[in-house]
Amino acid sequence: IGGRLVVTEGNFYFAASPVISKDRVEILGKGHSTTFNMANNANVDMFTVTGMYVRIAHARLLGNKASQTTGSGISAGGDRLYLEDLEVDSFKVNAVKCPSAAGNHRGYARYCVFSNSGSTAVDIDEDDWVFDFCEASSNAGYGFDLNATNISLNHCGSDTNSWSGVYLGANAASCRIKGGVYNDNQQHGIVIAQRANSRHVIDGAWVMDNSVQTVNTFDG
């Protein structure tokens, strides 16, 4: 079980989606000079993770969305996925997605940039995710679409997205947004959907210069 793959500098092309089903696997680049690219017409997710304690770090993931009909950067289906120092750019659908499924599918991301997705950048439907110092910019949907319990954005940012910077959906509860800047989005900075008895904490976030300001949003 497990193992570490260290990838050197250079460009590497994906025509199919590797499934990381083993636990405690690490895929480590050498910084943004290690670039993973989707091949033309691959039409798959770049990484599909079903194992536990998987770590993907220190690399660029480029989706080549103009030559795809579908596909996301990382499909999170295991528990305790760890993402660090990644630039996840130009995927046809999402940069990172975690669909609702049975079992625990927790995750942690820090120092990641999610940009130019063809839809929402970060789409989370499972509980207990944490994002530290992450940025979602210039995506065709939301920056962060959070639809589960106990999700945290700490000192993150979300700007120039076609929809809102952060969407706390109808299934979101007990989420926390601490610090960060949410600005210049074409809808809201942060929008909270209606849900009975939901409680969220927003502390010290700068929310400004977004295009729409209505009830249940935080816009300056």
C-alpha atoms as a PDB file:
ATOM      1  CA  ILE A   1       0.000   0.000   0.000  1.00  0.00           C
ATOM      2  CA  GLY A   2       1.188   3.493  -0.787  1.00  0.00           C
ATOM      3  CA  GLY A   3       4.248   4.876  -2.446  1.00  0.00           C
ATOM      4  CA  ARG A   4       5.763   8.126  -3.687  1.00  0.00           C
ATOM      5  CA  LEU A   5       6.094   9.195  -7.295  1.00  0.00           C
ATOM      6  CA  VAL A   6       8.377  12.203  -7.787  1.00  0.00           C
ATOM      7  CA  VAL A   7       7.940  13.774 -11.226  1.00  0.00           C
ATOM      8  CA  THR A   8      10.738  15.866 -12.718  1.00  0.00           C
ATOM      9  CA  GLU A   9      10.420  19.172 -14.547  1.00  0.00           C
ATOM     10  CA  GLY A  10       8.766  18.989 -17.936  1.00  0.00           C
ATOM     11  CA  ASN A  11       5.456  18.449 -19.716  1.00  0.00           C
ATOM     12  CA  PHE A  12       3.491  15.219 -19.274  1.00  0.00           C
ATOM     13  CA  TYR A  13       0.318  14.371 -21.219  1.00  0.00           C
ATOM     14  CA  PHE A  14      -2.763  12.441 -20.090  1.00  0.00           C
ATOM     15  CA  ALA A  15      -4.934  10.639 -22.636  1.00  0.00           C
ATOM     16  CA  ALA A  16      -6.741   8.622 -19.925  1.00  0.00           C
ATOM     17  CA  SER A  17      -7.577   9.145 -16.270  1.00  0.00           C
ATOM     18  CA  PRO A  18      -5.325   7.320 -13.782  1.00  0.00           C
ATOM     19  CA  VAL A  19      -7.329   5.956 -10.860  1.00  0.00           C
ATOM     20  CA  ILE A  20      -5.450   6.285  -7.576  1.00  0.00           C
ATOM     21  CA  SER A  21      -7.088   3.490  -5.615  1.00  0.00           C
ATOM     22  CA  LYS A  22      -4.247   2.654  -3.214  1.00  0.00           C
ATOM     23  CA  ASP A  23      -3.934   4.366   0.162  1.00  0.00           C
ATOM     24  CA  ARG A  24      -1.090   6.738   1.094  1.00  0.00           C
ATOM     25  CA  VAL A  25       0.035   7.494  -2.459  1.00  0.00           C
ATOM     26  CA  GLU A  26       1.985  10.699  -3.101  1.00  0.00           C
ATOM     27  CA  ILE A  27       2.421  12.365  -6.503  1.00  0.00           C
ATOM     28  CA  LEU A  28       4.922  15.180  -6.142  1.00  0.00           C
ATOM     29  CA  GLY A  29       6.162  17.521  -8.849  1.00  0.00           C
ATOM     30  CA  LYS A  30       9.068  19.924  -8.784  1.00  0.00           C
ATOM     31  CA  GLY A  31       6.925  23.033  -8.604  1.00  0.00           C
ATOM     32  CA  HIS A  32       5.165  24.692 -11.506  1.00  0.00           C
ATOM     33  CA  SER A  33       7.897  23.567 -13.893  1.00  0.00           C
ATOM     34  CA  THR A  34       6.240  20.144 -13.625  1.00  0.00           C
ATOM     35  CA  THR A  35       3.198  20.408 -15.890  1.00  0.00           C
ATOM     36  CA  PHE A  36       0.513  17.765 -16.361  1.00  0.00           C
ATOM     37  CA  ASN A  37      -1.503  18.385 -19.549  1.00  0.00           C
ATOM     38  CA  MET A  38      -4.690  16.853 -20.880  1.00  0.00           C
ATOM     39  CA  ALA A  39      -4.174  15.510 -24.395  1.00  0.00           C
ATOM     40  CA  ASN A  40      -6.573  16.621 -27.129  1.00  0.00           C
ATOM     41  CA  ASN A  41      -9.960  14.899 -26.942  1.00  0.00           C
ATOM     42  CA  ALA A  42      -9.130  12.970 -23.786  1.00  0.00           C
ATOM     43  CA  ASN A  43     -12.520  13.941 -22.286  1.00  0.00           C
ATOM     44  CA  VAL A  44     -11.757  12.466 -18.848  1.00  0.00           C
ATOM     45  CA  ASP A  45     -10.787  13.706 -15.396  1.00  0.00           C
ATOM     46  CA  MET A  46      -7.036  14.117 -15.000  1.00  0.00           C
ATOM     47  CA  PHE A  47      -6.864  12.339 -11.614  1.00  0.00           C
ATOM     48  CA  THR A  48      -9.546  10.108 -10.089  1.00  0.00           C
ATOM     49  CA  VAL A  49      -8.800   9.478  -6.419  1.00  0.00           C
ATOM     50  CA  THR A  50     -10.516   6.676  -4.499  1.00  0.00           C
ATOM     51  CA  GLY A  51      -7.745   5.778  -2.032  1.00  0.00           C
ATOM     52  CA  MET A  52      -7.237   7.275   1.426  1.00  0.00           C
ATOM     53  CA  TYR A  53      -4.505   9.724   2.459  1.00  0.00           C
ATOM     54  CA  VAL A  54      -3.527  10.544  -1.126  1.00  0.00           C
ATOM     55  CA  ARG A  55      -1.338  13.609  -1.648  1.00  0.00           C
ATOM     56  CA  ILE A  56      -0.904  15.557  -4.913  1.00  0.00           C
ATOM     57  CA  ALA A  57       1.466  18.523  -4.673  1.00  0.00           C
ATOM     58  CA  HIS A  58       3.853  20.951  -6.359  1.00  0.00           C
ATOM     59  CA  ALA A  59       2.681  20.907  -9.977  1.00  0.00           C
ATOM     60  CA  ARG A  60       0.588  22.574 -12.677  1.00  0.00           C
ATOM     61  CA  LEU A  61      -2.478  20.762 -14.014  1.00  0.00           C
ATOM     62  CA  LEU A  62      -3.653  22.141 -17.368  1.00  0.00           C
ATOM     63  CA  GLY A  63      -6.971  20.985 -18.759  1.00  0.00           C
ATOM     64  CA  ASN A  64      -6.784  22.081 -22.412  1.00  0.00           C
ATOM     65  CA  LYS A  65     -10.525  22.761 -22.226  1.00  0.00           C
ATOM     66  CA  ALA A  66     -10.825  24.011 -25.800  1.00  0.00           C
ATOM     67  CA  SER A  67     -10.096  20.463 -27.010  1.00  0.00           C
ATOM     68  CA  GLN A  68     -12.379  18.615 -24.542  1.00  0.00           C
ATOM     69  CA  THR A  69     -16.115  17.950 -24.245  1.00  0.00           C
ATOM     70  CA  THR A  70     -15.914  17.062 -20.522  1.00  0.00           C
ATOM     71  CA  GLY A  71     -13.400  16.427 -17.750  1.00  0.00           C
ATOM     72  CA  SER A  72     -12.252  17.918 -14.446  1.00  0.00           C
ATOM     73  CA  GLY A  73      -8.858  18.249 -12.831  1.00  0.00           C
ATOM     74  CA  ILE A  74      -9.257  16.133  -9.710  1.00  0.00           C
ATOM     75  CA  SER A  75     -12.220  13.904  -8.870  1.00  0.00           C
ATOM     76  CA  ALA A  76     -12.119  13.267  -5.131  1.00  0.00           C
ATOM     77  CA  GLY A  77     -13.688   9.997  -4.065  1.00  0.00           C
ATOM     78  CA  GLY A  78     -11.342   8.882  -1.302  1.00  0.00           C
ATOM     79  CA  ASP A  79     -10.968  10.112   2.251  1.00  0.00           C
ATOM     80  CA  ARG A  80      -8.426  12.675   3.483  1.00  0.00           C
ATOM     81  CA  LEU A  81      -7.177  13.838   0.113  1.00  0.00           C
ATOM     82  CA  TYR A  82      -4.359  16.383   0.473  1.00  0.00           C
ATOM     83  CA  LEU A  83      -3.698  18.987  -2.241  1.00  0.00           C
ATOM     84  CA  GLU A  84      -0.798  21.429  -1.931  1.00  0.00           C
ATOM     85  CA  ASP A  85       0.850  24.056  -4.124  1.00  0.00           C
ATOM     86  CA  LEU A  86      -1.123  23.258  -7.269  1.00  0.00           C
ATOM     87  CA  GLU A  87      -2.178  25.423 -10.182  1.00  0.00           C
ATOM     88  CA  VAL A  88      -5.279  23.787 -11.666  1.00  0.00           C
ATOM     89  CA  ASP A  89      -6.215  25.657 -14.823  1.00  0.00           C
ATOM     90  CA  SER A  90      -8.478  25.438 -17.872  1.00  0.00           C
ATOM     91  CA  PHE A  91     -10.465  22.262 -17.270  1.00  0.00           C
ATOM     92  CA  LYS A  92     -13.689  21.818 -19.186  1.00  0.00           C
ATOM     93  CA  VAL A  93     -15.821  21.314 -16.045  1.00  0.00           C
ATOM     94  CA  ASN A  94     -14.312  21.702 -12.543  1.00  0.00           C
ATOM     95  CA  ALA A  95     -10.822  22.125 -11.179  1.00  0.00           C
ATOM     96  CA  VAL A  96     -11.730  19.975  -8.150  1.00  0.00           C
ATOM     97  CA  LYS A  97     -14.952  18.073  -7.552  1.00  0.00           C
ATOM     98  CA  CYS A  98     -16.104  15.922  -4.665  1.00  0.00           C
ATOM     99  CA  PRO A  99     -19.548  14.446  -5.426  1.00  0.00           C
ATOM    100  CA  SER A 100     -21.845  13.216  -2.694  1.00  0.00           C
ATOM    101  CA  ALA A 101     -21.323   9.510  -1.978  1.00  0.00           C
ATOM    102  CA  ALA A 102     -21.512   7.016   0.868  1.00  0.00           C
ATOM    103  CA  GLY A 103     -18.680   7.130   3.413  1.00  0.00           C
ATOM    104  CA  ASN A 104     -16.226   9.868   4.357  1.00  0.00           C
ATOM    105  CA  HIS A 105     -14.612  11.944   1.629  1.00  0.00           C
ATOM    106  CA  ARG A 106     -12.780  14.651   3.529  1.00  0.00           C
ATOM    107  CA  GLY A 107     -10.100  16.796   1.966  1.00  0.00           C
ATOM    108  CA  TYR A 108      -7.557  19.528   2.603  1.00  0.00           C
ATOM    109  CA  ALA A 109      -6.061  22.010   0.143  1.00  0.00           C
ATOM    110  CA  ARG A 110      -3.537  24.773   0.697  1.00  0.00           C
ATOM    111  CA  TYR A 111      -1.675  27.208  -1.530  1.00  0.00           C
ATOM    112  CA  CYS A 112      -3.657  26.155  -4.605  1.00  0.00           C
ATOM    113  CA  VAL A 113      -4.958  28.252  -7.495  1.00  0.00           C
ATOM    114  CA  PHE A 114      -8.074  27.108  -9.377  1.00  0.00           C
ATOM    115  CA  SER A 115      -8.670  29.126 -12.534  1.00  0.00           C
ATOM    116  CA  ASN A 116     -10.324  29.315 -15.949  1.00  0.00           C
ATOM    117  CA  SER A 117     -12.622  26.325 -15.439  1.00  0.00           C
ATOM    118  CA  GLY A 118     -15.467  25.878 -17.897  1.00  0.00           C
ATOM    119  CA  SER A 119     -17.870  25.710 -14.953  1.00  0.00           C
ATOM    120  CA  THR A 120     -17.470  26.059 -11.179  1.00  0.00           C
ATOM    121  CA  ALA A 121     -13.864  25.749 -10.021  1.00  0.00           C
ATOM    122  CA  VAL A 122     -14.319  23.906  -6.703  1.00  0.00           C
ATOM    123  CA  ASP A 123     -17.514  21.858  -6.323  1.00  0.00           C
ATOM    124  CA  ILE A 124     -17.762  20.151  -2.916  1.00  0.00           C
ATOM    125  CA  ASP A 125     -20.734  18.011  -1.854  1.00  0.00           C
ATOM    126  CA  GLU A 126     -19.037  16.175   1.030  1.00  0.00           C
ATOM    127  CA  ASP A 127     -18.403  17.283   4.637  1.00  0.00           C
ATOM    128  CA  ASP A 128     -15.216  18.380   6.397  1.00  0.00           C
ATOM    129  CA  TRP A 129     -13.118  20.008   3.697  1.00  0.00           C
ATOM    130  CA  VAL A 130     -10.596  22.741   4.553  1.00  0.00           C
ATOM    131  CA  PHE A 131      -9.050  25.233   2.139  1.00  0.00           C
ATOM    132  CA  ASP A 132      -6.151  27.395   3.345  1.00  0.00           C
ATOM    133  CA  PHE A 133      -4.712  30.213   1.242  1.00  0.00           C
ATOM    134  CA  CYS A 134      -6.405  29.049  -1.970  1.00  0.00           C
ATOM    135  CA  GLU A 135      -7.609  31.196  -4.880  1.00  0.00           C
ATOM    136  CA  ALA A 136     -10.401  30.690  -7.428  1.00  0.00           C
ATOM    137  CA  SER A 137     -10.244  33.112 -10.328  1.00  0.00           C
ATOM    138  CA  SER A 138     -11.807  33.670 -13.743  1.00  0.00           C
ATOM    139  CA  ASN A 139     -14.021  30.582 -13.771  1.00  0.00           C
ATOM    140  CA  ALA A 140     -17.210  30.293 -15.825  1.00  0.00           C
ATOM    141  CA  GLY A 141     -19.303  29.322 -12.769  1.00  0.00           C
ATOM    142  CA  TYR A 142     -18.776  29.830  -9.029  1.00  0.00           C
ATOM    143  CA  GLY A 143     -15.348  30.062  -7.512  1.00  0.00           C
ATOM    144  CA  PHE A 144     -16.352  27.771  -4.624  1.00  0.00           C
ATOM    145  CA  ASP A 145     -19.672  25.867  -4.585  1.00  0.00           C
ATOM    146  CA  LEU A 146     -20.005  24.368  -1.095  1.00  0.00           C
ATOM    147  CA  ASN A 147     -22.957  22.078  -0.439  1.00  0.00           C
ATOM    148  CA  ALA A 148     -22.083  20.151   2.707  1.00  0.00           C
ATOM    149  CA  THR A 149     -21.336  20.573   6.412  1.00  0.00           C
ATOM    150  CA  ASN A 150     -18.278  21.922   8.189  1.00  0.00           C
ATOM    151  CA  ILE A 151     -16.329  23.327   5.233  1.00  0.00           C
ATOM    152  CA  SER A 152     -13.751  26.044   5.905  1.00  0.00           C
ATOM    153  CA  LEU A 153     -12.183  28.707   3.695  1.00  0.00           C
ATOM    154  CA  ASN A 154      -9.263  30.280   5.577  1.00  0.00           C
ATOM    155  CA  HIS A 155      -7.610  33.320   4.016  1.00  0.00           C
ATOM    156  CA  CYS A 156      -8.761  32.313   0.549  1.00  0.00           C
ATOM    157  CA  GLY A 157      -9.894  34.465  -2.353  1.00  0.00           C
ATOM    158  CA  SER A 158     -12.360  34.280  -5.215  1.00  0.00           C
ATOM    159  CA  ASP A 159     -12.512  36.900  -7.943  1.00  0.00           C
ATOM    160  CA  THR A 160     -13.600  37.634 -11.513  1.00  0.00           C
ATOM    161  CA  ASN A 161     -15.813  34.546 -11.724  1.00  0.00           C
ATOM    162  CA  SER A 162     -18.873  34.515 -13.982  1.00  0.00           C
ATOM    163  CA  TRP A 163     -21.125  33.641 -11.043  1.00  0.00           C
ATOM    164  CA  SER A 164     -20.529  34.304  -7.334  1.00  0.00           C
ATOM    165  CA  GLY A 165     -17.211  34.012  -5.579  1.00  0.00           C
ATOM    166  CA  VAL A 166     -18.607  31.606  -2.960  1.00  0.00           C
ATOM    167  CA  TYR A 167     -21.964  29.841  -2.999  1.00  0.00           C
ATOM    168  CA  LEU A 168     -23.084  28.232   0.267  1.00  0.00           C
ATOM    169  CA  GLY A 169     -25.778  25.947  -1.070  1.00  0.00           C
ATOM    170  CA  ALA A 170     -29.009  24.640   0.368  1.00  0.00           C
ATOM    171  CA  ASN A 171     -27.219  21.622   1.876  1.00  0.00           C
ATOM    172  CA  ALA A 172     -24.427  23.676   3.443  1.00  0.00           C
ATOM    173  CA  ALA A 173     -24.303  24.067   7.231  1.00  0.00           C
ATOM    174  CA  SER A 174     -21.745  25.128   9.831  1.00  0.00           C
ATOM    175  CA  CYS A 175     -19.336  26.470   7.224  1.00  0.00           C
ATOM    176  CA  ARG A 176     -16.665  29.051   8.038  1.00  0.00           C
ATOM    177  CA  ILE A 177     -15.079  31.765   5.945  1.00  0.00           C
ATOM    178  CA  LYS A 178     -12.207  33.480   7.725  1.00  0.00           C
ATOM    179  CA  GLY A 179     -10.360  36.347   6.108  1.00  0.00           C
ATOM    180  CA  GLY A 180      -9.659  36.519   2.399  1.00  0.00           C
ATOM    181  CA  VAL A 181     -10.929  38.720  -0.428  1.00  0.00           C
ATOM    182  CA  TYR A 182     -13.994  38.035  -2.587  1.00  0.00           C
ATOM    183  CA  ASN A 183     -14.224  40.673  -5.279  1.00  0.00           C
ATOM    184  CA  ASP A 184     -15.100  41.562  -8.861  1.00  0.00           C
ATOM    185  CA  ASN A 185     -17.390  38.594  -9.442  1.00  0.00           C
ATOM    186  CA  GLN A 186     -20.209  38.964 -11.943  1.00  0.00           C
ATOM    187  CA  GLN A 187     -22.820  37.934  -9.364  1.00  0.00           C
ATOM    188  CA  HIS A 188     -22.229  38.020  -5.591  1.00  0.00           C
ATOM    189  CA  GLY A 189     -19.118  37.961  -3.480  1.00  0.00           C
ATOM    190  CA  ILE A 190     -20.584  35.414  -1.033  1.00  0.00           C
ATOM    191  CA  VAL A 191     -24.139  34.125  -1.352  1.00  0.00           C
ATOM    192  CA  ILE A 192     -25.986  32.042   1.247  1.00  0.00           C
ATOM    193  CA  ALA A 193     -28.856  29.875   0.039  1.00  0.00           C
ATOM    194  CA  GLN A 194     -31.895  29.423   2.226  1.00  0.00           C
ATOM    195  CA  ARG A 195     -31.768  26.494   4.625  1.00  0.00           C
ATOM    196  CA  ALA A 196     -33.656  26.079   7.866  1.00  0.00           C
ATOM    197  CA  ASN A 197     -31.428  26.094  10.955  1.00  0.00           C
ATOM    198  CA  SER A 198     -28.169  26.456   9.036  1.00  0.00           C
ATOM    199  CA  ARG A 199     -25.396  28.429  10.762  1.00  0.00           C
ATOM    200  CA  HIS A 200     -22.322  29.849   9.070  1.00  0.00           C
ATOM    201  CA  VAL A 201     -19.485  32.025  10.370  1.00  0.00           C
ATOM    202  CA  ILE A 202     -17.978  34.757   8.197  1.00  0.00           C
ATOM    203  CA  ASP A 203     -15.165  36.565   9.967  1.00  0.00           C
ATOM    204  CA  GLY A 204     -12.887  39.249   8.570  1.00  0.00           C
ATOM    205  CA  ALA A 205     -13.575  38.604   4.878  1.00  0.00           C
ATOM    206  CA  TRP A 206     -13.266  41.500   2.448  1.00  0.00           C
ATOM    207  CA  VAL A 207     -16.205  41.379   0.010  1.00  0.00           C
ATOM    208  CA  MET A 208     -16.315  44.193  -2.503  1.00  0.00           C
ATOM    209  CA  ASP A 209     -16.983  45.370  -6.032  1.00  0.00           C
ATOM    210  CA  ASN A 210     -19.191  42.477  -7.073  1.00  0.00           C
ATOM    211  CA  SER A 211     -21.948  43.027  -9.617  1.00  0.00           C
ATOM    212  CA  VAL A 212     -24.997  41.866  -7.615  1.00  0.00           C
ATOM    213  CA  GLN A 213     -26.050  42.836  -4.114  1.00  0.00           C
ATOM    214  CA  THR A 214     -29.230  41.287  -2.696  1.00  0.00           C
ATOM    215  CA  VAL A 215     -30.565  39.643   0.453  1.00  0.00           C
ATOM    216  CA  ASN A 216     -28.510  36.747   1.891  1.00  0.00           C
ATOM    217  CA  THR A 217     -25.306  37.986   0.296  1.00  0.00           C
ATOM    218  CA  PHE A 218     -22.267  39.784   1.592  1.00  0.00           C
ATOM    219  CA  ASP A 219     -21.257  42.490  -0.866  1.00  0.00           C
ATOM    220  CA  GLY A 220     -19.552  45.791  -0.310  1.00  0.00           C
END
